[in-house]
Amino acid sequence: MEKENFSKRLQIALNNKNWLQSDLEKAVEGYEPKIDKTLINKYLKGIAFARQKRLSILADVLGVNEPWLMGYDVPMNKNITIKNKSIRIPVLGSIPAGIPIELIEDIIDYEDISEDMLKGGKEYFALKVKGNSMEPKYLNGDTIIVLKQNDCESGQDCIVMVNGDDGTFKRVFKSDNGITLQPLNNEYMPVFYSNKEVISKPVRILGVVKEIRRSV
């Protein structure tokens, strides 16, 4: 296994799940042998590569094949086995990726996620992307897997409730003065909300996108 290949594959796996390095750090907490922040940083920079036990942990939490993570020409996705149980979560409806509109909460479908994702009491839901303001990363019709939480890190892609009943899907940037909801498509303009507006409107984080699923 070459360090460079491992580093590239690890980053691809993170991107595929829409994870930051911090998400991976949280996902491997409690595993032995320990994989700490410094070690993950070395992996991503290509300074070091994971030995067998740590490699197995990374492949497990990322849902990829170990040989693929090592750089071999094999399928990326891990075959489903009996020890990797899946849980069905609801697809709650279409979320706009353009001008905010009312968030539809009718269940229109279901998606399967790994049972391991629910560790620590985590909750997820899925939504359909509607519109093109989050292109090229997210396309109209994509299904996004969302971790329910009421806060986020600056730079994460989130489902945000505005004015109490308008849901929108944007990249959230935080500053001392407020938050900016940033579309990824340059044809759309970002929207800034001051700290006062965040409270008065209100503007609330509903969840952070953790995975993109796209029909081929």
N, C-alpha and C. Protein backbone atom coordinates (compact mmCIF):
# COMPACT_ATOMS: atom_id res chain seq x y z
N MET A 1 0.84 -1.20 0.00
CA MET A 1 0.00 0.00 0.00
C MET A 1 0.88 1.25 0.00
N GLU A 2 0.74 2.10 -0.98
CA GLU A 2 1.49 3.33 -1.03
C GLU A 2 0.77 4.41 -0.24
N LYS A 3 1.56 5.24 0.46
CA LYS A 3 0.97 6.29 1.28
C LYS A 3 0.10 7.24 0.45
N GLU A 4 0.58 7.58 -0.75
CA GLU A 4 -0.14 8.52 -1.60
C GLU A 4 -1.49 7.96 -2.02
N ASN A 5 -1.52 6.70 -2.44
CA ASN A 5 -2.78 6.08 -2.86
C ASN A 5 -3.76 6.00 -1.71
N PHE A 6 -3.26 5.60 -0.54
CA PHE A 6 -4.10 5.51 0.65
C PHE A 6 -4.67 6.88 1.01
N SER A 7 -3.84 7.90 0.97
CA SER A 7 -4.28 9.26 1.29
C SER A 7 -5.38 9.73 0.35
N LYS A 8 -5.18 9.48 -0.95
CA LYS A 8 -6.18 9.90 -1.95
C LYS A 8 -7.49 9.15 -1.76
N ARG A 9 -7.40 7.84 -1.52
CA ARG A 9 -8.62 7.04 -1.35
C ARG A 9 -9.36 7.46 -0.07
N LEU A 10 -8.62 7.76 0.98
CA LEU A 10 -9.24 8.19 2.23
C LEU A 10 -10.01 9.49 2.03
N GLN A 11 -9.42 10.42 1.27
CA GLN A 11 -10.09 11.68 1.00
C GLN A 11 -11.32 11.48 0.12
N ILE A 12 -11.24 10.59 -0.85
CA ILE A 12 -12.39 10.28 -1.71
C ILE A 12 -13.53 9.72 -0.87
N ALA A 13 -13.20 8.82 0.06
CA ALA A 13 -14.22 8.21 0.92
C ALA A 13 -14.88 9.27 1.80
N LEU A 14 -14.09 10.21 2.30
CA LEU A 14 -14.66 11.31 3.11
C LEU A 14 -15.59 12.17 2.26
N ASN A 15 -15.15 12.50 1.06
CA ASN A 15 -15.97 13.34 0.17
C ASN A 15 -17.27 12.63 -0.19
N ASN A 16 -17.19 11.32 -0.41
CA ASN A 16 -18.37 10.56 -0.78
C ASN A 16 -19.43 10.59 0.31
N LYS A 17 -19.00 10.64 1.56
CA LYS A 17 -19.93 10.71 2.69
C LYS A 17 -20.20 12.14 3.11
N ASN A 18 -19.56 13.09 2.41
CA ASN A 18 -19.69 14.51 2.73
C ASN A 18 -19.23 14.78 4.17
N TRP A 19 -18.12 14.12 4.54
CA TRP A 19 -17.56 14.25 5.88
C TRP A 19 -16.37 15.19 5.87
N LEU A 20 -16.22 15.92 6.97
CA LEU A 20 -15.00 16.64 7.26
C LEU A 20 -14.08 15.71 8.07
N GLN A 21 -12.83 16.14 8.26
CA GLN A 21 -11.92 15.35 9.08
C GLN A 21 -12.49 15.16 10.48
N SER A 22 -13.16 16.20 11.00
CA SER A 22 -13.73 16.12 12.34
C SER A 22 -14.82 15.05 12.44
N ASP A 23 -15.55 14.83 11.34
CA ASP A 23 -16.58 13.78 11.34
C ASP A 23 -15.94 12.41 11.46
N LEU A 24 -14.82 12.22 10.76
CA LEU A 24 -14.11 10.94 10.84
C LEU A 24 -13.56 10.73 12.25
N GLU A 25 -13.05 11.81 12.85
CA GLU A 25 -12.51 11.71 14.21
C GLU A 25 -13.59 11.23 15.18
N LYS A 26 -14.80 11.77 15.03
CA LYS A 26 -15.91 11.38 15.90
C LYS A 26 -16.33 9.93 15.63
N ALA A 27 -16.31 9.54 14.36
CA ALA A 27 -16.77 8.20 13.98
C ALA A 27 -15.88 7.09 14.54
N VAL A 28 -14.59 7.38 14.71
CA VAL A 28 -13.67 6.33 15.17
C VAL A 28 -13.46 6.36 16.69
N GLU A 29 -14.15 7.27 17.36
CA GLU A 29 -14.02 7.33 18.82
C GLU A 29 -14.48 6.02 19.45
N GLY A 30 -13.74 5.53 20.41
CA GLY A 30 -14.11 4.31 21.11
C GLY A 30 -13.54 3.04 20.51
N TYR A 31 -12.96 3.14 19.32
CA TYR A 31 -12.35 1.97 18.70
C TYR A 31 -10.93 1.75 19.23
N GLU A 32 -10.52 0.51 19.23
CA GLU A 32 -9.15 0.14 19.59
C GLU A 32 -8.55 -0.68 18.46
N PRO A 33 -7.32 -0.39 18.04
CA PRO A 33 -6.45 0.67 18.56
C PRO A 33 -6.95 2.06 18.22
N LYS A 34 -6.59 3.02 19.04
CA LYS A 34 -7.07 4.39 18.92
C LYS A 34 -6.55 5.05 17.64
N ILE A 35 -7.42 5.82 17.00
CA ILE A 35 -7.03 6.62 15.84
C ILE A 35 -7.34 8.07 16.19
N ASP A 36 -6.32 8.83 16.56
CA ASP A 36 -6.56 10.19 17.03
C ASP A 36 -6.45 11.21 15.89
N LYS A 37 -6.69 12.46 16.25
CA LYS A 37 -6.70 13.55 15.27
C LYS A 37 -5.37 13.67 14.55
N THR A 38 -4.27 13.56 15.29
CA THR A 38 -2.94 13.69 14.69
C THR A 38 -2.68 12.60 13.66
N LEU A 39 -3.09 11.38 13.99
CA LEU A 39 -2.88 10.26 13.08
C LEU A 39 -3.72 10.42 11.81
N ILE A 40 -4.98 10.83 11.96
CA ILE A 40 -5.83 11.04 10.79
C ILE A 40 -5.25 12.12 9.90
N ASN A 41 -4.73 13.17 10.51
CA ASN A 41 -4.12 14.26 9.75
C ASN A 41 -2.93 13.76 8.94
N LYS A 42 -2.13 12.87 9.54
CA LYS A 42 -0.99 12.29 8.82
C LYS A 42 -1.46 11.42 7.66
N TYR A 43 -2.54 10.67 7.88
CA TYR A 43 -3.08 9.84 6.82
C TYR A 43 -3.49 10.69 5.62
N LEU A 44 -4.22 11.77 5.90
CA LEU A 44 -4.75 12.62 4.83
C LEU A 44 -3.64 13.38 4.09
N LYS A 45 -2.55 13.66 4.78
CA LYS A 45 -1.43 14.36 4.16
C LYS A 45 -0.47 13.41 3.44
N GLY A 46 -0.72 12.10 3.59
CA GLY A 46 0.15 11.14 2.93
C GLY A 46 1.47 10.92 3.65
N ILE A 47 1.52 11.33 4.93
CA ILE A 47 2.75 11.16 5.72
C ILE A 47 2.84 9.74 6.26
N ALA A 48 1.69 9.15 6.54
CA ALA A 48 1.65 7.79 7.10
C ALA A 48 0.47 7.05 6.51
N PHE A 49 0.48 5.72 6.65
CA PHE A 49 -0.68 4.94 6.23
C PHE A 49 -1.06 3.97 7.34
N ALA A 50 -2.32 3.56 7.34
CA ALA A 50 -2.86 2.75 8.42
C ALA A 50 -2.43 1.29 8.29
N ARG A 51 -2.02 0.72 9.41
CA ARG A 51 -1.76 -0.71 9.47
C ARG A 51 -3.09 -1.46 9.55
N GLN A 52 -3.01 -2.80 9.57
CA GLN A 52 -4.20 -3.61 9.34
C GLN A 52 -5.37 -3.30 10.26
N LYS A 53 -5.17 -3.25 11.58
CA LYS A 53 -6.29 -3.05 12.49
C LYS A 53 -6.94 -1.68 12.30
N ARG A 54 -6.11 -0.66 12.18
CA ARG A 54 -6.65 0.69 11.98
C ARG A 54 -7.27 0.82 10.59
N LEU A 55 -6.69 0.16 9.61
CA LEU A 55 -7.26 0.17 8.27
C LEU A 55 -8.67 -0.43 8.28
N SER A 56 -8.85 -1.52 9.03
CA SER A 56 -10.15 -2.17 9.13
C SER A 56 -11.18 -1.24 9.76
N ILE A 57 -10.75 -0.50 10.78
CA ILE A 57 -11.65 0.45 11.44
C ILE A 57 -12.07 1.55 10.47
N LEU A 58 -11.12 2.11 9.76
CA LEU A 58 -11.43 3.18 8.81
C LEU A 58 -12.36 2.69 7.71
N ALA A 59 -12.08 1.52 7.17
CA ALA A 59 -12.93 0.97 6.12
C ALA A 59 -14.34 0.72 6.64
N ASP A 60 -14.45 0.28 7.89
CA ASP A 60 -15.75 -0.02 8.48
C ASP A 60 -16.59 1.23 8.65
N VAL A 61 -16.02 2.28 9.25
CA VAL A 61 -16.81 3.49 9.51
C VAL A 61 -17.12 4.25 8.22
N LEU A 62 -16.26 4.10 7.21
CA LEU A 62 -16.47 4.79 5.94
C LEU A 62 -17.31 3.97 4.96
N GLY A 63 -17.51 2.67 5.29
CA GLY A 63 -18.34 1.83 4.44
C GLY A 63 -17.70 1.47 3.11
N VAL A 64 -16.36 1.31 3.11
CA VAL A 64 -15.64 0.98 1.88
C VAL A 64 -14.85 -0.31 2.05
N ASN A 65 -14.45 -0.89 0.93
CA ASN A 65 -13.63 -2.09 0.96
C ASN A 65 -12.21 -1.76 1.41
N GLU A 66 -11.64 -2.60 2.26
CA GLU A 66 -10.26 -2.39 2.69
C GLU A 66 -9.28 -2.37 1.52
N PRO A 67 -9.36 -3.34 0.59
CA PRO A 67 -8.41 -3.32 -0.54
C PRO A 67 -8.53 -2.03 -1.37
N TRP A 68 -9.77 -1.53 -1.52
CA TRP A 68 -9.95 -0.27 -2.25
C TRP A 68 -9.25 0.87 -1.52
N LEU A 69 -9.41 0.91 -0.21
CA LEU A 69 -8.80 1.96 0.59
C LEU A 69 -7.27 1.90 0.52
N MET A 70 -6.76 0.70 0.29
CA MET A 70 -5.32 0.51 0.16
C MET A 70 -4.79 0.94 -1.21
N GLY A 71 -5.71 1.17 -2.15
CA GLY A 71 -5.29 1.63 -3.47
C GLY A 71 -5.44 0.61 -4.57
N TYR A 72 -6.00 -0.57 -4.25
CA TYR A 72 -6.17 -1.61 -5.27
C TYR A 72 -7.38 -1.32 -6.17
N ASP A 73 -7.34 -1.89 -7.36
CA ASP A 73 -8.39 -1.69 -8.35
C ASP A 73 -9.55 -2.66 -8.10
N VAL A 74 -10.31 -2.37 -7.06
CA VAL A 74 -11.48 -3.16 -6.69
C VAL A 74 -12.63 -2.20 -6.43
N PRO A 75 -13.88 -2.69 -6.35
CA PRO A 75 -15.01 -1.79 -6.07
C PRO A 75 -14.83 -1.05 -4.76
N MET A 76 -15.27 0.19 -4.74
CA MET A 76 -15.15 1.02 -3.54
C MET A 76 -16.08 0.56 -2.43
N ASN A 77 -17.34 0.29 -2.78
CA ASN A 77 -18.34 0.00 -1.77
C ASN A 77 -18.15 -1.38 -1.17
N LYS A 78 -18.31 -1.44 0.13
CA LYS A 78 -18.21 -2.71 0.85
C LYS A 78 -19.46 -3.54 0.61
N ASN A 79 -19.27 -4.82 0.39
CA ASN A 79 -20.42 -5.71 0.27
C ASN A 79 -21.15 -5.79 1.60
N ILE A 80 -22.47 -5.79 1.56
CA ILE A 80 -23.27 -5.86 2.77
C ILE A 80 -23.13 -7.24 3.38
N THR A 81 -22.81 -7.29 4.66
CA THR A 81 -22.71 -8.55 5.37
C THR A 81 -23.68 -8.54 6.53
N ILE A 82 -23.83 -9.70 7.18
CA ILE A 82 -24.80 -9.85 8.25
C ILE A 82 -24.47 -8.95 9.45
N LYS A 83 -23.16 -8.65 9.65
CA LYS A 83 -22.79 -7.82 10.79
C LYS A 83 -22.97 -6.33 10.52
N ASN A 84 -23.24 -5.97 9.28
CA ASN A 84 -23.50 -4.57 8.95
C ASN A 84 -24.99 -4.38 8.71
N LYS A 85 -25.76 -4.33 9.79
CA LYS A 85 -27.20 -4.21 9.68
C LYS A 85 -27.57 -2.81 9.19
N SER A 86 -28.68 -2.73 8.49
CA SER A 86 -29.13 -1.44 7.98
C SER A 86 -30.46 -1.05 8.63
N ILE A 87 -30.68 0.25 8.70
CA ILE A 87 -31.89 0.82 9.26
C ILE A 87 -32.53 1.70 8.20
N ARG A 88 -33.85 1.65 8.09
CA ARG A 88 -34.55 2.49 7.12
C ARG A 88 -34.89 3.83 7.75
N ILE A 89 -34.60 4.90 7.02
CA ILE A 89 -34.96 6.24 7.47
C ILE A 89 -35.87 6.86 6.42
N PRO A 90 -36.76 7.76 6.83
CA PRO A 90 -37.71 8.34 5.87
C PRO A 90 -37.10 9.43 5.00
N VAL A 91 -37.52 9.46 3.75
CA VAL A 91 -37.26 10.60 2.88
C VAL A 91 -38.46 11.51 3.06
N LEU A 92 -38.25 12.67 3.67
CA LEU A 92 -39.36 13.51 4.12
C LEU A 92 -39.98 14.38 3.04
N GLY A 93 -39.39 14.41 1.86
CA GLY A 93 -39.96 15.24 0.81
C GLY A 93 -38.86 16.02 0.12
N SER A 94 -39.24 16.95 -0.71
CA SER A 94 -38.26 17.73 -1.46
C SER A 94 -37.85 18.96 -0.68
N ILE A 95 -36.54 19.20 -0.64
CA ILE A 95 -36.01 20.41 -0.03
C ILE A 95 -35.48 21.29 -1.17
N PRO A 96 -35.82 22.56 -1.19
CA PRO A 96 -35.37 23.41 -2.29
C PRO A 96 -33.87 23.66 -2.23
N ALA A 97 -33.25 23.71 -3.39
CA ALA A 97 -31.85 24.11 -3.48
C ALA A 97 -31.79 25.40 -4.29
N GLY A 98 -32.75 26.26 -4.07
CA GLY A 98 -32.85 27.55 -4.73
C GLY A 98 -33.48 28.52 -3.76
N ILE A 99 -34.54 29.19 -4.17
CA ILE A 99 -35.24 30.10 -3.29
C ILE A 99 -35.97 29.29 -2.21
N PRO A 100 -35.85 29.66 -0.93
CA PRO A 100 -36.50 28.89 0.13
C PRO A 100 -38.02 28.81 -0.07
N ILE A 101 -38.57 27.62 0.10
CA ILE A 101 -40.00 27.42 0.08
C ILE A 101 -40.38 26.58 1.28
N GLU A 102 -41.66 26.38 1.51
CA GLU A 102 -42.10 25.62 2.67
C GLU A 102 -41.53 24.21 2.64
N LEU A 103 -41.02 23.77 3.77
CA LEU A 103 -40.43 22.44 3.89
C LEU A 103 -41.54 21.40 3.96
N ILE A 104 -41.56 20.50 2.96
CA ILE A 104 -42.58 19.46 2.90
C ILE A 104 -42.15 18.30 3.80
N GLU A 105 -43.04 17.86 4.68
CA GLU A 105 -42.68 16.82 5.64
C GLU A 105 -43.38 15.48 5.36
N ASP A 106 -44.04 15.34 4.24
CA ASP A 106 -44.65 14.07 3.89
C ASP A 106 -43.56 13.05 3.54
N ILE A 107 -43.72 11.83 4.03
CA ILE A 107 -42.76 10.77 3.71
C ILE A 107 -43.03 10.28 2.29
N ILE A 108 -42.03 10.39 1.43
CA ILE A 108 -42.21 9.99 0.03
C ILE A 108 -41.43 8.72 -0.32
N ASP A 109 -40.50 8.32 0.55
CA ASP A 109 -39.68 7.15 0.26
C ASP A 109 -38.89 6.79 1.51
N TYR A 110 -38.03 5.77 1.39
CA TYR A 110 -37.15 5.39 2.49
C TYR A 110 -35.76 5.11 1.95
N GLU A 111 -34.75 5.34 2.78
CA GLU A 111 -33.37 5.02 2.46
C GLU A 111 -32.77 4.17 3.58
N ASP A 112 -31.86 3.28 3.22
CA ASP A 112 -31.18 2.46 4.20
C ASP A 112 -29.86 3.09 4.61
N ILE A 113 -29.60 3.11 5.92
CA ILE A 113 -28.30 3.55 6.41
C ILE A 113 -27.77 2.48 7.37
N SER A 114 -26.47 2.51 7.61
CA SER A 114 -25.86 1.54 8.51
C SER A 114 -26.34 1.77 9.94
N GLU A 115 -26.58 0.67 10.64
CA GLU A 115 -26.99 0.75 12.04
C GLU A 115 -25.92 1.44 12.89
N ASP A 116 -24.67 1.32 12.47
CA ASP A 116 -23.58 1.95 13.21
C ASP A 116 -23.69 3.46 13.24
N MET A 117 -24.35 4.05 12.23
CA MET A 117 -24.48 5.49 12.18
C MET A 117 -25.35 6.04 13.32
N LEU A 118 -26.12 5.17 13.96
CA LEU A 118 -27.03 5.60 15.00
C LEU A 118 -26.40 5.55 16.39
N LYS A 119 -25.13 5.16 16.45
CA LYS A 119 -24.46 5.10 17.74
C LYS A 119 -24.48 6.46 18.43
N GLY A 120 -24.64 6.43 19.75
CA GLY A 120 -24.67 7.67 20.51
C GLY A 120 -25.99 8.39 20.45
N GLY A 121 -27.04 7.69 19.98
CA GLY A 121 -28.36 8.31 19.92
C GLY A 121 -28.57 9.23 18.74
N LYS A 122 -27.73 9.13 17.72
CA LYS A 122 -27.86 10.01 16.55
C LYS A 122 -29.12 9.67 15.76
N GLU A 123 -29.71 10.69 15.16
CA GLU A 123 -30.91 10.53 14.34
C GLU A 123 -30.66 11.11 12.95
N TYR A 124 -31.24 10.45 11.96
CA TYR A 124 -31.06 10.89 10.57
C TYR A 124 -32.41 10.97 9.85
N PHE A 125 -32.45 11.78 8.82
CA PHE A 125 -33.56 11.76 7.88
C PHE A 125 -32.97 12.03 6.50
N ALA A 126 -33.75 11.81 5.47
CA ALA A 126 -33.28 12.03 4.10
C ALA A 126 -34.20 13.02 3.40
N LEU A 127 -33.64 13.74 2.46
CA LEU A 127 -34.40 14.72 1.68
C LEU A 127 -33.97 14.66 0.22
N LYS A 128 -34.90 15.01 -0.66
CA LYS A 128 -34.60 15.12 -2.08
C LYS A 128 -34.19 16.56 -2.40
N VAL A 129 -33.09 16.71 -3.13
CA VAL A 129 -32.66 18.03 -3.56
C VAL A 129 -33.53 18.48 -4.73
N LYS A 130 -34.00 19.70 -4.65
CA LYS A 130 -34.81 20.26 -5.73
C LYS A 130 -34.19 21.59 -6.15
N GLY A 131 -33.88 21.72 -7.44
CA GLY A 131 -33.26 22.95 -7.93
C GLY A 131 -31.78 22.77 -8.19
N ASN A 132 -31.12 23.85 -8.58
CA ASN A 132 -29.72 23.74 -9.00
C ASN A 132 -28.77 24.68 -8.27
N SER A 133 -29.21 25.29 -7.18
CA SER A 133 -28.34 26.27 -6.52
C SER A 133 -27.17 25.63 -5.79
N MET A 134 -27.21 24.28 -5.59
CA MET A 134 -26.09 23.63 -4.91
C MET A 134 -25.25 22.80 -5.88
N GLU A 135 -25.45 23.02 -7.18
CA GLU A 135 -24.58 22.41 -8.17
C GLU A 135 -23.22 23.10 -8.14
N PRO A 136 -22.15 22.40 -8.49
CA PRO A 136 -22.12 21.08 -9.13
C PRO A 136 -22.05 19.90 -8.15
N LYS A 137 -21.89 20.17 -6.86
CA LYS A 137 -21.74 19.07 -5.91
C LYS A 137 -23.02 18.28 -5.74
N TYR A 138 -24.15 18.98 -5.66
CA TYR A 138 -25.45 18.34 -5.47
C TYR A 138 -26.32 18.64 -6.69
N LEU A 139 -26.92 17.60 -7.25
CA LEU A 139 -27.74 17.75 -8.44
C LEU A 139 -29.22 17.63 -8.10
N ASN A 140 -30.05 18.23 -8.93
CA ASN A 140 -31.49 18.10 -8.78
C ASN A 140 -31.88 16.63 -8.79
N GLY A 141 -32.60 16.19 -7.77
CA GLY A 141 -33.01 14.80 -7.68
C GLY A 141 -32.14 13.94 -6.79
N ASP A 142 -30.97 14.46 -6.37
CA ASP A 142 -30.13 13.73 -5.43
C ASP A 142 -30.88 13.52 -4.11
N THR A 143 -30.55 12.44 -3.43
CA THR A 143 -31.04 12.23 -2.07
C THR A 143 -29.89 12.52 -1.12
N ILE A 144 -30.16 13.34 -0.11
CA ILE A 144 -29.12 13.65 0.87
C ILE A 144 -29.50 13.05 2.23
N ILE A 145 -28.52 12.46 2.88
CA ILE A 145 -28.70 11.88 4.21
C ILE A 145 -28.27 12.93 5.22
N VAL A 146 -29.18 13.27 6.13
CA VAL A 146 -28.97 14.41 7.02
C VAL A 146 -28.96 13.97 8.48
N LEU A 147 -27.92 14.37 9.20
CA LEU A 147 -27.85 14.13 10.64
C LEU A 147 -28.59 15.24 11.36
N LYS A 148 -29.58 14.88 12.16
CA LYS A 148 -30.33 15.88 12.91
C LYS A 148 -29.45 16.52 13.97
N GLN A 149 -29.29 17.83 13.91
CA GLN A 149 -28.59 18.57 14.95
C GLN A 149 -28.92 20.04 14.79
N ASN A 150 -28.84 20.77 15.89
CA ASN A 150 -29.26 22.17 15.87
C ASN A 150 -28.10 23.15 15.77
N ASP A 151 -26.91 22.64 15.42
CA ASP A 151 -25.76 23.51 15.22
C ASP A 151 -24.86 22.87 14.18
N CYS A 152 -23.87 23.62 13.72
CA CYS A 152 -22.96 23.10 12.71
C CYS A 152 -21.63 23.82 12.81
N GLU A 153 -20.64 23.29 12.13
CA GLU A 153 -19.37 23.97 11.97
C GLU A 153 -19.44 24.86 10.74
N SER A 154 -18.71 25.95 10.77
CA SER A 154 -18.68 26.84 9.61
C SER A 154 -18.14 26.09 8.40
N GLY A 155 -18.84 26.19 7.27
CA GLY A 155 -18.42 25.52 6.05
C GLY A 155 -19.14 24.22 5.78
N GLN A 156 -20.04 23.81 6.68
CA GLN A 156 -20.78 22.58 6.45
C GLN A 156 -22.06 22.86 5.66
N ASP A 157 -22.52 21.83 4.94
CA ASP A 157 -23.75 21.93 4.13
C ASP A 157 -24.92 21.49 5.01
N CYS A 158 -25.90 22.38 5.15
CA CYS A 158 -26.94 22.19 6.16
C CYS A 158 -28.35 22.41 5.61
N ILE A 159 -29.29 21.81 6.31
CA ILE A 159 -30.70 22.14 6.13
C ILE A 159 -31.01 23.21 7.18
N VAL A 160 -31.52 24.34 6.72
CA VAL A 160 -31.75 25.48 7.60
C VAL A 160 -33.21 25.91 7.51
N MET A 161 -33.81 26.17 8.66
CA MET A 161 -35.18 26.68 8.71
C MET A 161 -35.14 28.19 8.88
N VAL A 162 -35.84 28.89 7.99
CA VAL A 162 -35.88 30.36 8.03
C VAL A 162 -37.33 30.82 8.20
N ASN A 163 -37.54 31.79 9.06
CA ASN A 163 -38.88 32.34 9.32
C ASN A 163 -39.84 31.31 9.91
N GLY A 164 -39.29 30.28 10.52
CA GLY A 164 -40.14 29.33 11.21
C GLY A 164 -40.69 28.20 10.36
N ASP A 165 -40.85 28.41 9.04
CA ASP A 165 -41.44 27.34 8.23
C ASP A 165 -40.87 27.23 6.83
N ASP A 166 -39.82 27.96 6.52
CA ASP A 166 -39.19 27.86 5.21
C ASP A 166 -37.86 27.13 5.33
N GLY A 167 -37.77 25.98 4.67
CA GLY A 167 -36.54 25.20 4.73
C GLY A 167 -35.70 25.41 3.49
N THR A 168 -34.38 25.51 3.67
CA THR A 168 -33.49 25.67 2.54
C THR A 168 -32.23 24.86 2.77
N PHE A 169 -31.54 24.55 1.71
CA PHE A 169 -30.33 23.73 1.74
C PHE A 169 -29.18 24.59 1.23
N LYS A 170 -28.24 24.92 2.12
CA LYS A 170 -27.13 25.79 1.76
C LYS A 170 -25.88 25.43 2.56
N ARG A 171 -24.75 25.95 2.12
CA ARG A 171 -23.51 25.88 2.89
C ARG A 171 -23.52 27.03 3.88
N VAL A 172 -23.27 26.73 5.15
CA VAL A 172 -23.38 27.73 6.21
C VAL A 172 -21.98 28.22 6.61
N PHE A 173 -21.83 29.53 6.58
CA PHE A 173 -20.59 30.14 7.06
C PHE A 173 -20.91 31.04 8.25
N LYS A 174 -20.17 30.86 9.32
CA LYS A 174 -20.39 31.63 10.54
C LYS A 174 -19.36 32.74 10.66
N SER A 175 -19.78 33.86 11.27
CA SER A 175 -18.86 34.94 11.59
C SER A 175 -19.30 35.54 12.92
N ASP A 176 -18.54 36.49 13.41
CA ASP A 176 -18.90 37.14 14.67
C ASP A 176 -20.20 37.92 14.55
N ASN A 177 -20.55 38.33 13.32
CA ASN A 177 -21.72 39.19 13.11
C ASN A 177 -22.99 38.43 12.75
N GLY A 178 -22.85 37.15 12.38
CA GLY A 178 -24.04 36.39 11.98
C GLY A 178 -23.66 35.18 11.15
N ILE A 179 -24.59 34.73 10.31
CA ILE A 179 -24.31 33.58 9.45
C ILE A 179 -24.69 33.90 8.00
N THR A 180 -23.99 33.25 7.09
CA THR A 180 -24.26 33.41 5.66
C THR A 180 -24.68 32.07 5.10
N LEU A 181 -25.79 32.05 4.37
CA LEU A 181 -26.24 30.85 3.66
C LEU A 181 -25.76 30.98 2.23
N GLN A 182 -24.80 30.12 1.87
CA GLN A 182 -24.08 30.25 0.59
C GLN A 182 -24.45 29.14 -0.38
N PRO A 183 -25.06 29.48 -1.53
CA PRO A 183 -25.25 28.47 -2.57
C PRO A 183 -23.91 28.14 -3.22
N LEU A 184 -23.78 26.96 -3.80
CA LEU A 184 -22.54 26.58 -4.48
C LEU A 184 -22.54 27.00 -5.94
N ASN A 185 -23.72 27.23 -6.49
CA ASN A 185 -23.87 27.69 -7.87
C ASN A 185 -23.72 29.21 -7.89
N ASN A 186 -22.75 29.72 -8.67
CA ASN A 186 -22.47 31.15 -8.71
C ASN A 186 -23.60 31.99 -9.29
N GLU A 187 -24.61 31.32 -9.87
CA GLU A 187 -25.75 32.07 -10.40
C GLU A 187 -26.66 32.58 -9.28
N TYR A 188 -26.47 32.05 -8.09
CA TYR A 188 -27.30 32.44 -6.95
C TYR A 188 -26.48 33.26 -5.96
N MET A 189 -27.14 34.18 -5.29
CA MET A 189 -26.48 35.06 -4.34
C MET A 189 -26.58 34.50 -2.92
N PRO A 190 -25.53 34.68 -2.12
CA PRO A 190 -25.61 34.29 -0.72
C PRO A 190 -26.54 35.21 0.05
N VAL A 191 -27.04 34.72 1.17
CA VAL A 191 -27.91 35.53 2.03
C VAL A 191 -27.29 35.59 3.42
N PHE A 192 -27.13 36.81 3.92
CA PHE A 192 -26.55 37.01 5.25
C PHE A 192 -27.64 37.35 6.26
N TYR A 193 -27.53 36.71 7.45
CA TYR A 193 -28.44 37.02 8.54
C TYR A 193 -27.61 37.46 9.75
N SER A 194 -27.92 38.64 10.27
CA SER A 194 -27.21 39.13 11.44
C SER A 194 -27.57 38.29 12.66
N ASN A 195 -26.80 38.42 13.71
CA ASN A 195 -27.10 37.68 14.95
C ASN A 195 -28.50 38.01 15.45
N LYS A 196 -28.90 39.26 15.29
CA LYS A 196 -30.23 39.68 15.71
C LYS A 196 -31.30 38.99 14.87
N GLU A 197 -31.08 38.90 13.55
CA GLU A 197 -32.04 38.26 12.66
C GLU A 197 -32.12 36.75 12.91
N VAL A 198 -30.98 36.15 13.26
CA VAL A 198 -30.97 34.71 13.56
C VAL A 198 -31.94 34.41 14.69
N ILE A 199 -32.02 35.32 15.65
CA ILE A 199 -32.92 35.13 16.79
C ILE A 199 -34.35 35.55 16.46
N SER A 200 -34.52 36.69 15.78
CA SER A 200 -35.86 37.25 15.56
C SER A 200 -36.65 36.52 14.48
N LYS A 201 -35.99 36.00 13.44
CA LYS A 201 -36.77 35.41 12.35
C LYS A 201 -37.51 34.12 12.72
N PRO A 202 -37.00 33.09 13.32
CA PRO A 202 -35.57 32.82 13.57
C PRO A 202 -34.95 32.06 12.41
N VAL A 203 -33.63 31.89 12.47
CA VAL A 203 -32.89 31.05 11.53
C VAL A 203 -32.30 29.90 12.33
N ARG A 204 -32.71 28.65 12.02
CA ARG A 204 -32.29 27.51 12.83
C ARG A 204 -31.70 26.40 11.96
N ILE A 205 -30.63 25.80 12.44
CA ILE A 205 -30.04 24.64 11.79
C ILE A 205 -30.89 23.42 12.13
N LEU A 206 -31.33 22.68 11.12
CA LEU A 206 -32.09 21.45 11.34
C LEU A 206 -31.21 20.20 11.26
N GLY A 207 -30.15 20.28 10.48
CA GLY A 207 -29.29 19.12 10.33
C GLY A 207 -28.15 19.40 9.37
N VAL A 208 -27.16 18.51 9.40
CA VAL A 208 -25.97 18.61 8.57
C VAL A 208 -25.93 17.44 7.60
N VAL A 209 -25.67 17.73 6.33
CA VAL A 209 -25.64 16.69 5.31
C VAL A 209 -24.40 15.82 5.49
N LYS A 210 -24.61 14.50 5.54
CA LYS A 210 -23.52 13.56 5.76
C LYS A 210 -23.24 12.68 4.55
N GLU A 211 -24.18 12.59 3.63
CA GLU A 211 -23.98 11.67 2.50
C GLU A 211 -24.88 12.09 1.34
N ILE A 212 -24.38 11.88 0.13
CA ILE A 212 -25.14 12.13 -1.09
C ILE A 212 -25.42 10.78 -1.76
N ARG A 213 -26.66 10.57 -2.19
CA ARG A 213 -26.99 9.36 -2.93
C ARG A 213 -27.61 9.78 -4.26
N ARG A 214 -27.03 9.25 -5.33
CA ARG A 214 -27.43 9.68 -6.67
C ARG A 214 -27.77 8.47 -7.53
N SER A 215 -28.90 8.54 -8.19
CA SER A 215 -29.30 7.48 -9.11
C SER A 215 -28.48 7.59 -10.38
N VAL A 216 -27.92 6.48 -10.82
CA VAL A 216 -27.08 6.48 -12.02
C VAL A 216 -27.95 6.36 -13.26
